[in-house]
Structures are given as C-alpha cells and as structure tokens.
Amino acid sequence: MVKKGQYLNDLFQAFHGVHLRIPSLRERKEDILPLVQYFLNESERKFETGQKELSKDAKNYLTTYDWPGNIRELENMIKRATILSRVLS
C-alpha cells in the first residue's frame, strides 16, 4: 500500500515496530457485561425491539462462558438473543 501511495510511509514506519497484545475476552471477564450492554443497546436500536433486560442466569452464563470466538461471538449471540426475544415475547 505504501508503494501504491495508499498509505503514508512515515505513518507505516511509526507503527512498524509497535506490537499490541489485546488479551482475549476469556482473560477479561470484567469487560463482558459492559460489552453485552453495549451490544444489547445497539441491537435494540437496530432491530427496533424496545428495551431488553438480561436475567441473572443469562448474566451468569455470559460471564462464565469461555468465548472461543471472542468479542465477535459475543456480539452475534446478543444480536440473536435480541431478535429471538422479540419473536418470543
């Protein structure tokens, strides 16, 4: 991309040696419920479902699950739950 002029060489050089390690979701259990709330709010807005609330059992499941698919898996699960809860209500 630098050769094609689509990416600034100076910017590339500045970030070239920077390595960021972002821990997996299973290592950041404290981030799960805030992420769930964010994805829930986004899904409610996108799918026009009205406000939803998680049960205690749902919160417990979400915080103890291993999340092999990481944040994308969490987001997709919340989207599906939002849609299905609309159908079932």
C-alpha atoms as a PDB file:
ATOM      1  CA  MET A   1       0.000   0.000   0.000  1.00  0.00           C
ATOM      2  CA  VAL A   2       2.955   2.346   0.656  1.00  0.00           C
ATOM      3  CA  LYS A   3       4.289   1.654  -2.858  1.00  0.00           C
ATOM      4  CA  LYS A   4       0.866   2.370  -4.356  1.00  0.00           C
ATOM      5  CA  GLY A   5       0.644   5.666  -2.445  1.00  0.00           C
ATOM      6  CA  GLN A   6      -2.336   4.408  -0.486  1.00  0.00           C
ATOM      7  CA  TYR A   7      -0.553   4.510   2.858  1.00  0.00           C
ATOM      8  CA  LEU A   8       1.848   7.145   4.164  1.00  0.00           C
ATOM      9  CA  ASN A   9       5.387   5.814   4.514  1.00  0.00           C
ATOM     10  CA  ASP A  10       6.036   7.928   7.640  1.00  0.00           C
ATOM     11  CA  LEU A  11       2.939   6.522   9.310  1.00  0.00           C
ATOM     12  CA  PHE A  12       3.918   2.990   8.300  1.00  0.00           C
ATOM     13  CA  GLN A  13       7.404   3.461   9.788  1.00  0.00           C
ATOM     14  CA  ALA A  14       5.981   4.884  13.016  1.00  0.00           C
ATOM     15  CA  PHE A  15       3.751   1.859  13.570  1.00  0.00           C
ATOM     16  CA  HIS A  16       6.017  -0.776  12.064  1.00  0.00           C
ATOM     17  CA  GLY A  17       7.723  -1.661  15.361  1.00  0.00           C
ATOM     18  CA  VAL A  18       4.648  -1.317  17.578  1.00  0.00           C
ATOM     19  CA  HIS A  19       3.119  -4.557  18.806  1.00  0.00           C
ATOM     20  CA  LEU A  20      -0.065  -4.527  20.828  1.00  0.00           C
ATOM     21  CA  ARG A  21      -1.308  -7.569  22.682  1.00  0.00           C
ATOM     22  CA  ILE A  22      -5.002  -7.405  23.353  1.00  0.00           C
ATOM     23  CA  PRO A  23      -5.997 -10.155  25.771  1.00  0.00           C
ATOM     24  CA  SER A  24      -8.791 -12.475  24.700  1.00  0.00           C
ATOM     25  CA  LEU A  25     -12.233 -11.958  26.165  1.00  0.00           C
ATOM     26  CA  ARG A  26     -11.825 -15.042  28.376  1.00  0.00           C
ATOM     27  CA  GLU A  27      -8.942 -13.176  30.062  1.00  0.00           C
ATOM     28  CA  ARG A  28     -11.064 -10.032  30.574  1.00  0.00           C
ATOM     29  CA  LYS A  29     -14.189 -11.324  32.298  1.00  0.00           C
ATOM     30  CA  GLU A  30     -14.817  -7.865  33.793  1.00  0.00           C
ATOM     31  CA  ASP A  31     -15.376  -6.495  30.276  1.00  0.00           C
ATOM     32  CA  ILE A  32     -18.110  -8.958  29.354  1.00  0.00           C
ATOM     33  CA  LEU A  33     -21.158  -7.319  30.935  1.00  0.00           C
ATOM     34  CA  PRO A  34     -20.310  -3.783  29.737  1.00  0.00           C
ATOM     35  CA  LEU A  35     -19.813  -5.193  26.213  1.00  0.00           C
ATOM     36  CA  VAL A  36     -23.092  -7.102  26.494  1.00  0.00           C
ATOM     37  CA  GLN A  37     -24.900  -3.903  27.447  1.00  0.00           C
ATOM     38  CA  TYR A  38     -23.330  -2.037  24.536  1.00  0.00           C
ATOM     39  CA  PHE A  39     -24.275  -4.763  22.033  1.00  0.00           C
ATOM     40  CA  LEU A  40     -27.742  -5.052  23.559  1.00  0.00           C
ATOM     41  CA  ASN A  41     -28.335  -1.306  23.188  1.00  0.00           C
ATOM     42  CA  GLU A  42     -27.099  -1.388  19.592  1.00  0.00           C
ATOM     43  CA  SER A  43     -29.292  -4.384  18.741  1.00  0.00           C
ATOM     44  CA  GLU A  44     -32.359  -2.824  20.368  1.00  0.00           C
ATOM     45  CA  ARG A  45     -31.842   0.291  18.281  1.00  0.00           C
ATOM     46  CA  LYS A  46     -31.035  -1.533  15.036  1.00  0.00           C
ATOM     47  CA  PHE A  47     -33.843  -4.078  15.251  1.00  0.00           C
ATOM     48  CA  GLU A  48     -36.325  -1.718  16.956  1.00  0.00           C
ATOM     49  CA  THR A  49     -37.149  -4.252  19.661  1.00  0.00           C
ATOM     50  CA  GLY A  50     -37.634  -1.954  22.607  1.00  0.00           C
ATOM     51  CA  GLN A  51     -35.638  -2.236  25.792  1.00  0.00           C
ATOM     52  CA  LYS A  52     -34.439  -5.694  26.866  1.00  0.00           C
ATOM     53  CA  GLU A  53     -33.055  -6.869  30.179  1.00  0.00           C
ATOM     54  CA  LEU A  54     -30.826  -9.836  30.944  1.00  0.00           C
ATOM     55  CA  SER A  55     -31.811 -12.315  33.620  1.00  0.00           C
ATOM     56  CA  LYS A  56     -29.416 -13.217  36.418  1.00  0.00           C
ATOM     57  CA  ASP A  57     -28.950 -16.661  34.819  1.00  0.00           C
ATOM     58  CA  ALA A  58     -28.115 -15.075  31.453  1.00  0.00           C
ATOM     59  CA  LYS A  59     -25.520 -12.790  33.055  1.00  0.00           C
ATOM     60  CA  ASN A  60     -24.011 -15.743  34.896  1.00  0.00           C
ATOM     61  CA  TYR A  61     -23.819 -17.782  31.682  1.00  0.00           C
ATOM     62  CA  LEU A  62     -22.224 -14.936  29.734  1.00  0.00           C
ATOM     63  CA  THR A  63     -19.552 -14.301  32.373  1.00  0.00           C
ATOM     64  CA  THR A  64     -18.626 -17.967  32.820  1.00  0.00           C
ATOM     65  CA  TYR A  65     -18.602 -18.992  29.146  1.00  0.00           C
ATOM     66  CA  ASP A  66     -15.092 -19.412  27.649  1.00  0.00           C
ATOM     67  CA  TRP A  67     -15.715 -17.270  24.498  1.00  0.00           C
ATOM     68  CA  PRO A  68     -13.577 -19.110  21.937  1.00  0.00           C
ATOM     69  CA  GLY A  69     -14.975 -16.790  19.248  1.00  0.00           C
ATOM     70  CA  ASN A  70     -14.100 -13.761  21.362  1.00  0.00           C
ATOM     71  CA  ILE A  71     -15.950 -10.443  21.053  1.00  0.00           C
ATOM     72  CA  ARG A  72     -17.465 -11.186  17.647  1.00  0.00           C
ATOM     73  CA  GLU A  73     -19.090 -14.332  19.054  1.00  0.00           C
ATOM     74  CA  LEU A  74     -20.450 -12.311  21.981  1.00  0.00           C
ATOM     75  CA  GLU A  75     -21.856  -9.657  19.655  1.00  0.00           C
ATOM     76  CA  ASN A  76     -23.546 -12.252  17.436  1.00  0.00           C
ATOM     77  CA  MET A  77     -25.036 -14.045  20.439  1.00  0.00           C
ATOM     78  CA  ILE A  78     -26.541 -10.808  21.759  1.00  0.00           C
ATOM     79  CA  LYS A  79     -27.952  -9.935  18.326  1.00  0.00           C
ATOM     80  CA  ARG A  80     -29.609 -13.356  18.035  1.00  0.00           C
ATOM     81  CA  ALA A  81     -30.980 -13.153  21.573  1.00  0.00           C
ATOM     82  CA  THR A  82     -32.398  -9.700  20.908  1.00  0.00           C
ATOM     83  CA  ILE A  83     -34.132 -10.859  17.745  1.00  0.00           C
ATOM     84  CA  LEU A  84     -35.427 -14.119  19.228  1.00  0.00           C
ATOM     85  CA  SER A  85     -36.679 -12.458  22.388  1.00  0.00           C
ATOM     86  CA  ARG A  86     -38.744 -10.160  20.165  1.00  0.00           C
ATOM     87  CA  VAL A  87     -40.304 -13.126  18.418  1.00  0.00           C
ATOM     88  CA  LEU A  88     -40.985 -14.969  21.667  1.00  0.00           C
ATOM     89  CA  SER A  89     -42.463 -12.023  23.551  1.00  0.00           C
END
